[in-house]
Each structure stands twice: as structure tokens, then as C-alpha cells.
Amino acid sequence: MAINYNTRLKKLQDSLIKSNAEAAMITSPANIFYFTGFNSDPHERFMALIIDCRTDEFILFVPALDEEIAANESYIQTIIPISDEEDPFTKLKEKLGEDVTRIELEMKSVTMFQHKQLSSVFPNVTYHDLQPIINEQRLKKSRSELVYMQKAVDIIEKVLAAGIKKVKIGMTENELTAELEYLMKKFGAAGPSFSTIVLSGEKAALPHGTPGERKFQNGDFLLIDFGVITKEGYCSDITRTFIIGEVSEKQKEIYNIVLQSNQAGIKAVKAGVPLKTFDIEARNVIQENGYGDYFNNRVGHGLGIEVHEEPSIHENNELIAESGLLFTIEPGIYIPDYGGIRIEDEVYINEDGEAEILTSFSRELQIL
């Protein structure tokens, strides 16, 4: 199923006209990709999608070295290359003219340097935040996007199934991380969607810890949190926790509480209720079992082109769930100096307002 970029751009343009914008500048690579199909990290160079509402023009400014790729990949075919010796803001002024007075841009993406350059070429312009308009548009995932999301999930679950077969006593976290990231490429991913997390033993108590030289030992927790980005530009994110060798009764107890929490959160997912409901239902299971102090983060986050998107699934989010939302449910228990468990799945609210679970890797406790 192909992505309809024309529909996306038209919807954005309609929103801009309603907000009385004369022009908009999008500089976030993820947002540029969403609206054009061109996926690139310009690093320190200038890249922007410009919408001129006065002339109904869409223009893509790219570093000159990316011009050919942009021409092949971008739905927008009006492309202005900028070589390293050129001033992009002067070229931007040449295109928009001097009489523009209002520009919408992503406040979180524009740097102080860029703002200073914009102010020097457009001294009479007022700037307004474009991010809420884009967030609202990107919030709902279409069926065509879901196909790419499912592909990302399928690849990472294949990686996980093959990767855990390589686990053995004495292996380091870094060694397993390398194996997993090799398998990502082998099974067709563009690469990891974020830095792979492999944590063993007491380090599994660090929700976002970093793999190191710690060697796997008998009785260790083994927490693996990772994902891939597909060649189509969509991300996956899954966590499973294993036990290496022998498992204790306390480990079984904690694991089962997290599993019950994960299932309670997923079971609560449907359209028409506040998003906080999913967090609260999952959190209640952990609190009622006496481990509430060991689960201090939200239960989930949206994902798609980026691994962290809207919506945020936390206990104070009053936003009403609706069809098209895609997010994680990932409760955990993290006990300092002992270890931790997290079970993370991806859930989509379909056209009927019901939960579709993209992840299928077993949630039952596995001893490696």
C-alpha cells in the first residue's frame, strides 16, 4: 500500500491556511520524510521543506550532495540544492521574498543559530509553532503505515528468536548487542531504530541502561529492549526479559506480576476512553502486588517514523483514545542492585476502535 503524500501535504496546507500562515518551514528530518518520502540526515547542513501559502508552492531545500537522491525519492520535485559555500538563508529569502510577515516553524527543531539567521534575513517576520499541527496529523497511523510498522515488528522478532539462541554463560552484553545488530541487517532492516539495550543481572534494574562488558552469569536477568527501522523508514520497539540458567521463586513472582500488568494494560486498550486508562490499569497490578515504588515511568509511548512519538501513555493524559493510534504498553519492575523486568508490546487501535497487537513474540517466562 503506497503512502499518499499529496493527501498529507494538502491536509497540512489546509491547516496552515486556517492559521493564517503565509509560509511554513519544516526542518525536522522525520517530518520532511513524512511529507515528502525523502529520508535523510543532513547533519550540520541546512535542509527544509518550505510551504508558500501565498503561491501554493512546495519547495525542498537540500544539501547539494543529496540533490540526486532527493530527486529520486521526494514527492516534491521543486528541489533547491545548497552547496557548502552558499548561505541557505539568503537563498530562502530569494525564494520567499521580503514581504513575508508570518512563518510557521517547529519551535523544538529550530536552533538559536537558525533563528538568528532567519531574523537577519526576515527582520519583520513573526514566528509561530508548527509542531502541534504536525503532531496532530502524524498522530493517527493509516493502514498503509501499519503495513510498514508490522514489517519492522516482524524483523525484530525474527532477530530476537535467532539472537537468544546465541546466549551463553560468559558472553558479554556488548557481544550479544553486536550479534543482534548484525542480525538486524541480515534480516533486511536498515538498522536499529535506537541504541540496542542489553542488560544482565542487577543492571536490568536500569530502564535505559547501556550494554557493557558485564558477563552473563547463572541466574541472571537478561533484559533486551531494541527495534529496527525498515528501509521504508518505520520503526519497531519491543522488550522481552529472560532468565539465564536457573530461575528463583522471587524472579518468577516478579515476572508474573509484570506479565499480568502488561496484559491488563493491553486489555484496557480501546477507543473512547482516556489514554491514562491504559497506564492506570497496568500500574494498578504492580501497585496492588507491593511493587509500586519500583515502576516510576509511563507505561508507553507512540511510535512510527520515530521511535518516540505522540501519544504519551501516562496516568495524567486525558486525551481520548481513538482509531489510528499506535503505541507501546511496557510496564516494568526495577529493583536497584537486584534486577528488573520489562515486557513491551506494540498496540494499534483499529477502525473498529479495538486493540490490534502487532507483537507476537512469546510473553511467557523463558529460561535460556
Protein backbone atom coordinates (compact mmCIF):
# COMPACT_ATOMS: atom_id res chain seq x y z
CA MET A 1 0.00 0.00 0.00
CA ALA A 2 1.54 3.27 -1.12
CA ILE A 3 1.73 6.39 1.02
CA ASN A 4 -0.33 9.27 -0.40
CA TYR A 5 1.95 12.28 0.03
CA ASN A 6 -0.40 14.55 -1.88
CA THR A 7 -3.12 13.95 0.72
CA ARG A 8 -0.68 14.63 3.56
CA LEU A 9 0.53 17.89 2.01
CA LYS A 10 -2.98 19.07 1.22
CA LYS A 11 -4.08 18.45 4.80
CA LEU A 12 -1.07 20.37 6.11
CA GLN A 13 -1.71 23.23 3.69
CA ASP A 14 -5.37 23.47 4.76
CA SER A 15 -4.30 23.67 8.42
CA LEU A 16 -1.77 26.40 7.61
CA ILE A 17 -4.36 28.47 5.74
CA LYS A 18 -6.71 28.19 8.74
CA SER A 19 -3.93 29.53 10.97
CA ASN A 20 -3.31 32.49 8.61
CA ALA A 21 0.24 31.40 7.87
CA GLU A 22 1.95 32.92 4.85
CA ALA A 23 4.69 30.32 4.82
CA ALA A 24 5.95 27.34 6.78
CA MET A 25 9.42 25.88 7.22
CA ILE A 26 9.85 22.24 8.25
CA THR A 27 13.39 21.24 9.23
CA SER A 28 12.96 18.03 11.24
CA PRO A 29 14.21 15.15 9.04
CA ALA A 30 11.39 12.90 10.32
CA ASN A 31 8.74 15.46 9.39
CA ILE A 32 10.32 16.11 6.00
CA PHE A 33 10.24 12.36 5.37
CA TYR A 34 6.60 12.17 6.46
CA PHE A 35 5.53 14.79 3.93
CA THR A 36 7.89 14.01 1.02
CA GLY A 37 9.23 10.45 1.24
CA PHE A 38 12.81 11.77 1.27
CA ASN A 39 14.64 10.34 4.29
CA SER A 40 17.97 11.96 5.11
CA ASP A 41 20.05 13.26 7.99
CA PRO A 42 21.70 16.49 6.80
CA HIS A 43 23.91 16.67 9.91
CA GLU A 44 25.07 20.30 10.24
CA ARG A 45 23.83 21.29 6.78
CA PHE A 46 20.54 23.08 6.06
CA MET A 47 17.56 21.04 4.89
CA ALA A 48 13.98 22.30 4.84
CA LEU A 49 10.58 21.78 3.30
CA ILE A 50 9.06 25.18 2.55
CA ILE A 51 5.35 25.71 2.01
CA ASP A 52 4.48 29.09 0.49
CA CYS A 53 0.77 29.52 1.21
CA ARG A 54 0.62 32.67 -0.93
CA THR A 55 1.57 30.80 -4.12
CA ASP A 56 0.61 27.22 -3.17
CA GLU A 57 4.22 26.17 -3.74
CA PHE A 58 6.10 23.33 -2.03
CA ILE A 59 9.89 23.62 -2.19
CA LEU A 60 12.53 21.27 -0.82
CA PHE A 61 15.90 22.76 0.12
CA VAL A 62 18.60 20.07 0.38
CA PRO A 63 22.39 19.93 0.67
CA ALA A 64 23.81 19.80 -2.86
CA LEU A 65 25.36 16.39 -2.24
CA ASP A 66 21.85 14.96 -1.63
CA GLU A 67 20.21 16.52 -4.69
CA GLU A 68 20.18 13.35 -6.80
CA ILE A 69 18.79 11.17 -4.00
CA ALA A 70 16.13 13.76 -3.21
CA ALA A 71 15.12 13.92 -6.87
CA ASN A 72 14.64 10.14 -6.87
CA GLU A 73 12.86 9.82 -3.53
CA SER A 74 10.95 13.03 -2.88
CA TYR A 75 7.32 13.54 -3.87
CA ILE A 76 8.16 17.25 -4.01
CA GLN A 77 10.07 17.81 -7.23
CA THR A 78 10.85 21.51 -6.81
CA ILE A 79 14.27 21.00 -5.25
CA ILE A 80 16.80 23.72 -4.49
CA PRO A 81 20.32 22.40 -3.78
CA ILE A 82 22.58 24.34 -1.43
CA SER A 83 26.34 23.89 -1.76
CA ASP A 84 28.60 24.19 1.26
CA GLU A 85 29.85 27.68 0.38
CA GLU A 86 26.33 29.13 -0.06
CA ASP A 87 24.21 30.82 2.62
CA PRO A 88 20.92 28.88 2.77
CA PHE A 89 19.07 31.74 4.46
CA THR A 90 19.92 34.14 1.64
CA LYS A 91 18.57 31.57 -0.84
CA LEU A 92 15.47 31.18 1.33
CA LYS A 93 14.91 34.95 1.25
CA GLU A 94 15.33 34.96 -2.54
CA LYS A 95 12.58 32.36 -2.82
CA LEU A 96 10.09 33.77 -0.30
CA GLY A 97 10.72 37.46 -0.92
CA GLU A 98 10.93 40.33 1.55
CA ASP A 99 7.24 40.93 2.20
CA VAL A 100 6.51 37.71 4.13
CA THR A 101 5.38 38.58 7.68
CA ARG A 102 4.39 35.27 9.32
CA ILE A 103 6.26 31.95 9.17
CA GLU A 104 5.27 28.73 10.93
CA LEU A 105 8.14 26.51 12.09
CA GLU A 106 8.90 23.71 14.55
CA MET A 107 9.99 25.53 17.69
CA LYS A 108 11.67 22.42 19.13
CA SER A 109 13.71 21.81 15.98
CA VAL A 110 14.93 25.31 15.13
CA THR A 111 18.25 26.15 16.81
CA MET A 112 19.23 29.52 18.22
CA PHE A 113 21.71 29.82 15.33
CA GLN A 114 18.97 29.21 12.75
CA HIS A 115 16.67 31.68 14.50
CA LYS A 116 19.38 34.32 14.42
CA GLN A 117 19.95 33.74 10.69
CA LEU A 118 16.22 33.85 9.96
CA SER A 119 15.84 37.10 11.91
CA SER A 120 18.67 38.68 9.94
CA VAL A 121 17.06 37.97 6.54
CA PHE A 122 13.43 38.36 7.69
CA PRO A 123 13.59 41.18 10.29
CA ASN A 124 9.82 41.85 10.23
CA VAL A 125 8.58 38.25 10.46
CA THR A 126 6.70 36.78 13.43
CA TYR A 127 7.21 33.07 14.11
CA HIS A 128 4.58 30.59 15.28
CA ASP A 129 4.89 26.96 16.35
CA LEU A 130 4.01 24.47 13.63
CA GLN A 131 4.66 21.39 15.79
CA PRO A 132 1.11 20.96 17.20
CA ILE A 133 -0.34 20.89 13.66
CA ILE A 134 2.18 18.26 12.55
CA ASN A 135 1.79 16.21 15.75
CA GLU A 136 -1.96 16.07 15.28
CA GLN A 137 -1.57 14.97 11.67
CA ARG A 138 1.06 12.32 12.43
CA LEU A 139 -0.82 11.05 15.49
CA LYS A 140 -3.06 8.68 13.56
CA LYS A 141 -1.44 5.89 11.56
CA SER A 142 -3.04 4.76 8.30
CA ARG A 143 -3.35 1.15 7.21
CA SER A 144 -0.56 1.74 4.69
CA GLU A 145 1.71 2.90 7.51
CA LEU A 146 0.66 -0.09 9.61
CA VAL A 147 1.98 -2.43 6.92
CA TYR A 148 5.45 -0.91 7.32
CA MET A 149 5.16 -0.94 11.12
CA GLN A 150 4.26 -4.63 11.06
CA LYS A 151 7.27 -5.32 8.83
CA ALA A 152 9.51 -3.62 11.40
CA VAL A 153 7.98 -5.76 14.17
CA ASP A 154 8.34 -8.96 12.15
CA ILE A 155 12.03 -8.30 11.52
CA ILE A 156 12.84 -7.53 15.16
CA GLU A 157 11.00 -10.61 16.40
CA LYS A 158 12.95 -12.74 13.93
CA VAL A 159 16.15 -11.13 15.25
CA LEU A 160 15.14 -11.87 18.84
CA ALA A 161 14.31 -15.52 18.12
CA ALA A 162 17.70 -16.06 16.46
CA GLY A 163 19.62 -13.88 18.90
CA ILE A 164 18.63 -15.60 22.15
CA LYS A 165 19.94 -18.89 20.76
CA LYS A 166 23.42 -17.36 20.92
CA VAL A 167 23.22 -16.53 24.66
CA LYS A 168 25.63 -18.44 26.88
CA ILE A 169 27.31 -18.05 30.25
CA GLY A 170 30.38 -15.81 29.99
CA MET A 171 29.14 -13.85 26.97
CA THR A 172 29.17 -10.08 27.48
CA GLU A 173 26.31 -7.64 26.98
CA ASN A 174 28.29 -5.94 24.22
CA GLU A 175 28.89 -9.23 22.42
CA LEU A 176 25.17 -10.04 22.35
CA THR A 177 24.39 -6.48 21.25
CA ALA A 178 26.76 -6.89 18.29
CA GLU A 179 25.14 -10.22 17.35
CA LEU A 180 21.66 -8.68 17.47
CA GLU A 181 22.60 -5.68 15.35
CA TYR A 182 24.28 -7.93 12.79
CA LEU A 183 21.07 -9.98 12.57
CA MET A 184 19.02 -6.80 12.01
CA LYS A 185 20.90 -6.10 8.79
CA LYS A 186 20.90 -9.78 7.83
CA PHE A 187 17.12 -9.95 8.10
CA GLY A 188 16.54 -6.83 5.99
CA ALA A 189 16.43 -3.82 8.34
CA ALA A 190 18.08 -0.50 7.54
CA GLY A 191 19.48 -0.58 11.07
CA PRO A 192 18.50 -0.25 14.73
CA SER A 193 15.75 2.28 15.50
CA PHE A 194 17.62 3.28 18.68
CA SER A 195 20.67 2.13 20.60
CA THR A 196 20.10 -1.53 21.45
CA ILE A 197 19.69 -2.19 25.18
CA VAL A 198 21.06 -5.50 26.51
CA LEU A 199 21.28 -5.58 30.30
CA SER A 200 22.07 -8.51 32.56
CA GLY A 201 21.80 -9.29 36.26
CA GLU A 202 21.44 -6.27 38.53
CA LYS A 203 21.90 -3.94 35.51
CA ALA A 204 18.41 -4.94 34.31
CA ALA A 205 17.15 -2.54 37.01
CA LEU A 206 18.27 0.38 34.80
CA PRO A 207 15.32 1.13 32.47
CA HIS A 208 17.61 2.78 29.90
CA GLY A 209 20.98 1.35 30.84
CA THR A 210 23.88 0.89 28.44
CA PRO A 211 25.36 -2.51 27.47
CA GLY A 212 28.89 -3.06 28.67
CA GLU A 213 31.47 -5.72 29.43
CA ARG A 214 29.44 -7.45 32.17
CA LYS A 215 29.45 -11.22 31.54
CA PHE A 216 26.30 -13.31 31.74
CA GLN A 217 26.07 -15.45 34.85
CA ASN A 218 23.83 -18.26 36.01
CA GLY A 219 20.58 -16.88 37.42
CA ASP A 220 20.88 -13.50 35.65
CA PHE A 221 18.02 -11.43 34.39
CA LEU A 222 18.56 -10.66 30.70
CA LEU A 223 16.59 -7.64 29.50
CA ILE A 224 16.62 -6.93 25.75
CA ASP A 225 14.96 -3.71 24.52
CA PHE A 226 15.50 -2.96 20.87
CA GLY A 227 13.94 -2.25 17.50
CA VAL A 228 14.70 -1.72 13.85
CA ILE A 229 13.99 0.92 11.27
CA THR A 230 12.92 -0.57 7.96
CA LYS A 231 14.14 0.55 4.57
CA GLU A 232 10.71 2.20 4.22
CA GLY A 233 11.54 4.37 7.25
CA TYR A 234 9.31 2.93 10.02
CA CYS A 235 10.36 1.78 13.49
CA SER A 236 9.71 -1.05 15.88
CA ASP A 237 10.35 -1.26 19.63
CA ILE A 238 10.00 -4.42 21.72
CA THR A 239 11.27 -5.61 25.09
CA ARG A 240 11.47 -9.12 26.47
CA THR A 241 13.16 -10.25 29.69
CA PHE A 242 14.68 -13.70 30.13
CA ILE A 243 16.44 -15.63 32.89
CA ILE A 244 19.79 -17.28 32.21
CA GLY A 245 20.24 -20.75 33.70
CA GLU A 246 18.41 -21.15 36.98
CA VAL A 247 15.39 -19.09 38.00
CA SER A 248 14.45 -18.24 41.60
CA GLU A 249 10.93 -18.11 43.04
CA LYS A 250 11.26 -14.35 43.52
CA GLN A 251 12.20 -13.89 39.86
CA LYS A 252 9.16 -15.93 38.82
CA GLU A 253 6.92 -13.88 41.12
CA ILE A 254 8.13 -10.53 39.79
CA TYR A 255 7.98 -11.73 36.20
CA ASN A 256 4.37 -12.87 36.56
CA ILE A 257 3.36 -9.54 38.10
CA VAL A 258 4.86 -7.64 35.15
CA LEU A 259 3.18 -10.04 32.71
CA GLN A 260 -0.19 -9.50 34.41
CA SER A 261 0.42 -5.74 34.28
CA ASN A 262 1.29 -5.90 30.58
CA GLN A 263 -1.88 -7.87 29.85
CA ALA A 264 -4.06 -5.55 31.96
CA GLY A 265 -2.72 -2.55 30.05
CA ILE A 266 -3.36 -4.18 26.67
CA LYS A 267 -6.80 -5.42 27.70
CA ALA A 268 -7.78 -1.83 28.58
CA VAL A 269 -6.91 -0.53 25.10
CA LYS A 270 -9.90 0.67 23.10
CA ALA A 271 -11.21 3.87 21.54
CA GLY A 272 -13.39 6.26 23.50
CA VAL A 273 -11.61 6.21 26.87
CA PRO A 274 -8.83 8.50 28.18
CA LEU A 275 -5.32 7.34 27.32
CA LYS A 276 -4.45 7.45 31.02
CA THR A 277 -6.70 4.40 31.48
CA PHE A 278 -4.12 2.11 29.89
CA ASP A 279 -1.38 3.33 32.22
CA ILE A 280 -3.57 3.16 35.32
CA GLU A 281 -4.81 -0.39 34.62
CA ALA A 282 -1.26 -1.65 34.13
CA ARG A 283 0.12 0.33 37.08
CA ASN A 284 -2.59 -0.89 39.47
CA VAL A 285 -1.45 -4.50 39.07
CA ILE A 286 2.10 -3.61 40.10
CA GLN A 287 0.93 -1.40 42.98
CA GLU A 288 -1.52 -3.98 44.32
CA ASN A 289 1.31 -6.52 44.45
CA GLY A 290 3.51 -4.21 46.51
CA TYR A 291 5.98 -3.11 43.83
CA GLY A 292 4.55 0.32 43.01
CA ASP A 293 7.74 2.07 44.17
CA TYR A 294 9.69 0.15 41.52
CA PHE A 295 7.72 1.36 38.49
CA ASN A 296 8.29 5.09 38.09
CA ASN A 297 7.89 5.74 34.38
CA ARG A 298 4.95 5.98 31.96
CA VAL A 299 3.55 2.75 30.57
CA GLY A 300 4.01 3.59 26.91
CA HIS A 301 4.67 5.95 24.01
CA GLY A 302 3.64 6.35 20.39
CA LEU A 303 5.93 5.26 17.60
CA GLY A 304 6.05 5.29 13.80
CA ILE A 305 8.65 7.17 11.76
CA GLU A 306 10.33 7.95 15.07
CA VAL A 307 10.70 5.54 17.95
CA HIS A 308 9.17 8.07 20.37
CA GLU A 309 6.13 9.93 19.03
CA GLU A 310 2.78 11.08 20.30
CA PRO A 311 0.77 9.94 22.17
CA SER A 312 2.35 9.63 25.60
CA ILE A 313 0.60 6.92 27.62
CA HIS A 314 0.84 8.22 31.20
CA GLU A 315 -1.53 8.37 34.15
CA ASN A 316 -2.42 12.05 33.67
CA ASN A 317 -3.09 12.05 29.91
CA GLU A 318 -6.78 12.94 29.49
CA LEU A 319 -6.66 12.74 25.67
CA ILE A 320 -9.38 10.38 24.43
CA ALA A 321 -8.11 7.30 22.60
CA GLU A 322 -9.29 6.96 19.02
CA SER A 323 -8.80 4.76 15.98
CA GLY A 324 -5.40 5.07 14.30
CA LEU A 325 -3.28 5.46 17.43
CA LEU A 326 -0.26 3.18 17.72
CA PHE A 327 1.77 2.92 20.90
CA THR A 328 3.67 0.66 23.27
CA ILE A 329 2.50 -0.92 26.50
CA GLU A 330 5.65 -1.59 28.53
CA PRO A 331 5.27 -1.89 32.31
CA GLY A 332 8.25 -2.93 34.38
CA ILE A 333 9.59 -3.54 37.86
CA TYR A 334 13.11 -2.25 38.52
CA ILE A 335 14.74 -3.12 41.86
CA PRO A 336 18.11 -1.41 42.44
CA ASP A 337 21.07 -3.77 42.91
CA TYR A 338 18.84 -6.77 42.18
CA GLY A 339 17.48 -6.55 38.64
CA GLY A 340 14.44 -5.73 36.62
CA ILE A 341 11.82 -6.97 34.20
CA ARG A 342 10.04 -5.19 31.35
CA ILE A 343 7.62 -6.66 28.82
CA GLU A 344 6.87 -4.34 25.89
CA ASP A 345 4.36 -4.77 23.12
CA GLU A 346 3.07 -2.60 20.28
CA VAL A 347 -0.67 -1.97 20.08
CA TYR A 348 -2.81 -0.32 17.37
CA ILE A 349 -6.38 0.89 17.78
CA ASN A 350 -8.10 -0.25 14.60
CA GLU A 351 -11.06 1.08 12.60
CA ASP A 352 -13.48 -0.69 14.96
CA GLY A 353 -11.91 1.00 17.99
CA GLU A 354 -10.38 -2.27 19.17
CA ALA A 355 -6.81 -3.24 20.02
CA GLU A 356 -4.65 -4.97 17.43
CA ILE A 357 -1.39 -6.29 18.85
CA LEU A 358 1.47 -6.11 16.36
CA THR A 359 3.95 -8.00 18.51
CA SER A 360 3.59 -11.77 18.81
CA PHE A 361 6.83 -12.96 20.44
CA SER A 362 6.03 -15.12 23.47
CA ARG A 363 5.48 -13.25 26.72
CA GLU A 364 5.85 -16.37 28.89
CA LEU A 365 8.99 -16.61 31.01
CA GLN A 366 11.81 -18.26 29.04
CA ILE A 367 14.89 -19.73 30.68
CA LEU A 368 17.93 -19.52 28.40
